[in-house]
Amino acid sequence: MNGKSANGTAGGTLACIEGLPPLPKSLSGLLNSSGGSWREMERMYAKKTMIQDDLSRGRNNSDNLFANKPANLDAALALLRKEMVTKGMK
């Protein structure tokens, strides 16, 4: 955690923290959101809001996962993991 990016320069756009993988491209824009124009800020806010909505929707639907079809691939994989863990403990 020396503040250097993966290529060794200080203040790089994609700073890697030792022991953690780099951010996915879809989230890497969140690192640089403070230095942009108002349109970029608005776009980042919209992206952040969509991510938060997806996460909260996932939490609210956790009780009735079996009643509804998963909304996307991530939800389907989460359901599969939950089933595997539940069946593995029995």
C-alpha atoms as a PDB file:
ATOM      1  CA  MET A   1       0.000   0.000   0.000  1.00  0.00           C
ATOM      2  CA  ASN A   2       2.596   2.495  -1.108  1.00  0.00           C
ATOM      3  CA  GLY A   3       0.311   4.591  -3.354  1.00  0.00           C
ATOM      4  CA  LYS A   4       1.921   3.352  -6.547  1.00  0.00           C
ATOM      5  CA  SER A   5       0.080   1.819  -9.447  1.00  0.00           C
ATOM      6  CA  ALA A   6       0.843  -1.559 -10.975  1.00  0.00           C
ATOM      7  CA  ASN A   7       3.431  -0.036 -13.315  1.00  0.00           C
ATOM      8  CA  GLY A   8       5.305   1.568 -10.408  1.00  0.00           C
ATOM      9  CA  THR A   9       4.311   5.200 -10.926  1.00  0.00           C
ATOM     10  CA  ALA A  10       2.710   7.237  -8.198  1.00  0.00           C
ATOM     11  CA  GLY A  11      -0.835   8.480  -8.774  1.00  0.00           C
ATOM     12  CA  GLY A  12      -1.686   5.988 -11.509  1.00  0.00           C
ATOM     13  CA  THR A  13      -5.259   5.671 -12.679  1.00  0.00           C
ATOM     14  CA  LEU A  14      -5.624   2.070 -11.569  1.00  0.00           C
ATOM     15  CA  ALA A  15      -3.801   1.788  -8.284  1.00  0.00           C
ATOM     16  CA  CYS A  16      -3.439  -1.825  -7.178  1.00  0.00           C
ATOM     17  CA  ILE A  17      -3.495  -2.596  -3.497  1.00  0.00           C
ATOM     18  CA  GLU A  18      -1.142  -5.361  -2.528  1.00  0.00           C
ATOM     19  CA  GLY A  19      -2.976  -8.656  -2.149  1.00  0.00           C
ATOM     20  CA  LEU A  20      -6.136  -7.528  -3.960  1.00  0.00           C
ATOM     21  CA  PRO A  21      -6.998  -8.041  -7.621  1.00  0.00           C
ATOM     22  CA  PRO A  22      -7.511  -4.972  -9.826  1.00  0.00           C
ATOM     23  CA  LEU A  23     -11.008  -3.555 -10.182  1.00  0.00           C
ATOM     24  CA  PRO A  24     -13.083  -4.776 -13.123  1.00  0.00           C
ATOM     25  CA  LYS A  25     -13.268  -2.315 -16.020  1.00  0.00           C
ATOM     26  CA  SER A  26     -16.930  -1.625 -15.240  1.00  0.00           C
ATOM     27  CA  LEU A  27     -15.999  -0.313 -11.772  1.00  0.00           C
ATOM     28  CA  SER A  28     -12.622   1.272 -12.504  1.00  0.00           C
ATOM     29  CA  GLY A  29     -14.303   4.561 -13.444  1.00  0.00           C
ATOM     30  CA  LEU A  30     -15.359   5.000  -9.832  1.00  0.00           C
ATOM     31  CA  LEU A  31     -11.714   5.634  -8.899  1.00  0.00           C
ATOM     32  CA  ASN A  32     -11.473   8.725 -11.071  1.00  0.00           C
ATOM     33  CA  SER A  33     -14.965  10.108 -10.545  1.00  0.00           C
ATOM     34  CA  SER A  34     -13.818  13.128  -8.530  1.00  0.00           C
ATOM     35  CA  GLY A  35     -11.826  14.807 -11.295  1.00  0.00           C
ATOM     36  CA  GLY A  36     -14.347  14.944 -14.127  1.00  0.00           C
ATOM     37  CA  SER A  37     -16.943  17.251 -15.538  1.00  0.00           C
ATOM     38  CA  TRP A  38     -20.491  17.395 -14.213  1.00  0.00           C
ATOM     39  CA  ARG A  39     -21.635  15.044 -16.994  1.00  0.00           C
ATOM     40  CA  GLU A  40     -19.055  12.472 -15.955  1.00  0.00           C
ATOM     41  CA  MET A  41     -20.055  12.925 -12.319  1.00  0.00           C
ATOM     42  CA  GLU A  42     -23.709  12.444 -13.228  1.00  0.00           C
ATOM     43  CA  ARG A  43     -22.864   9.315 -15.206  1.00  0.00           C
ATOM     44  CA  MET A  44     -20.870   7.899 -12.273  1.00  0.00           C
ATOM     45  CA  TYR A  45     -23.717   8.705  -9.885  1.00  0.00           C
ATOM     46  CA  ALA A  46     -26.176   6.917 -12.178  1.00  0.00           C
ATOM     47  CA  LYS A  47     -23.848   3.906 -12.367  1.00  0.00           C
ATOM     48  CA  LYS A  48     -23.458   3.849  -8.582  1.00  0.00           C
ATOM     49  CA  THR A  49     -27.223   4.118  -8.110  1.00  0.00           C
ATOM     50  CA  MET A  50     -27.850   1.238 -10.518  1.00  0.00           C
ATOM     51  CA  ILE A  51     -25.326  -0.943  -8.661  1.00  0.00           C
ATOM     52  CA  GLN A  52     -26.905  -0.102  -5.302  1.00  0.00           C
ATOM     53  CA  ASP A  53     -30.391  -0.827  -6.673  1.00  0.00           C
ATOM     54  CA  ASP A  54     -29.229  -4.197  -8.001  1.00  0.00           C
ATOM     55  CA  LEU A  55     -27.674  -5.071  -4.653  1.00  0.00           C
ATOM     56  CA  SER A  56     -30.715  -4.017  -2.633  1.00  0.00           C
ATOM     57  CA  ARG A  57     -33.028  -5.876  -5.003  1.00  0.00           C
ATOM     58  CA  GLY A  58     -30.914  -8.975  -4.429  1.00  0.00           C
ATOM     59  CA  ARG A  59     -31.195  -8.599  -0.654  1.00  0.00           C
ATOM     60  CA  ASN A  60     -34.954  -8.052  -0.761  1.00  0.00           C
ATOM     61  CA  ASN A  61     -35.524 -11.097  -2.958  1.00  0.00           C
ATOM     62  CA  SER A  62     -33.309 -13.466  -0.976  1.00  0.00           C
ATOM     63  CA  ASP A  63     -36.302 -14.935   0.869  1.00  0.00           C
ATOM     64  CA  ASN A  64     -38.253 -15.851  -2.258  1.00  0.00           C
ATOM     65  CA  LEU A  65     -35.425 -16.926  -4.564  1.00  0.00           C
ATOM     66  CA  PHE A  66     -37.142 -20.175  -5.420  1.00  0.00           C
ATOM     67  CA  ALA A  67     -40.458 -18.504  -6.288  1.00  0.00           C
ATOM     68  CA  ASN A  68     -39.045 -16.199  -8.990  1.00  0.00           C
ATOM     69  CA  LYS A  69     -36.815 -16.811 -11.979  1.00  0.00           C
ATOM     70  CA  PRO A  70     -33.362 -15.234 -11.463  1.00  0.00           C
ATOM     71  CA  ALA A  71     -33.131 -11.834 -13.161  1.00  0.00           C
ATOM     72  CA  ASN A  72     -29.647 -12.284 -14.641  1.00  0.00           C
ATOM     73  CA  LEU A  73     -26.603 -14.509 -14.712  1.00  0.00           C
ATOM     74  CA  ASP A  74     -25.249 -13.170 -11.418  1.00  0.00           C
ATOM     75  CA  ALA A  75     -28.530 -13.911  -9.660  1.00  0.00           C
ATOM     76  CA  ALA A  76     -28.654 -17.399 -11.175  1.00  0.00           C
ATOM     77  CA  LEU A  77     -25.097 -18.123 -10.013  1.00  0.00           C
ATOM     78  CA  ALA A  78     -25.870 -16.827  -6.523  1.00  0.00           C
ATOM     79  CA  LEU A  79     -28.908 -19.101  -6.355  1.00  0.00           C
ATOM     80  CA  LEU A  80     -26.834 -22.065  -7.519  1.00  0.00           C
ATOM     81  CA  ARG A  81     -24.150 -21.350  -4.890  1.00  0.00           C
ATOM     82  CA  LYS A  82     -26.801 -21.113  -2.183  1.00  0.00           C
ATOM     83  CA  GLU A  83     -28.324 -24.431  -3.256  1.00  0.00           C
ATOM     84  CA  MET A  84     -24.909 -26.112  -3.306  1.00  0.00           C
ATOM     85  CA  VAL A  85     -24.032 -24.852   0.178  1.00  0.00           C
ATOM     86  CA  THR A  86     -27.432 -25.821   1.580  1.00  0.00           C
ATOM     87  CA  LYS A  87     -27.312 -29.333   0.104  1.00  0.00           C
ATOM     88  CA  GLY A  88     -23.664 -29.748   1.103  1.00  0.00           C
ATOM     89  CA  MET A  89     -24.492 -29.136   4.779  1.00  0.00           C
ATOM     90  CA  LYS A  90     -27.226 -31.783   4.948  1.00  0.00           C
END
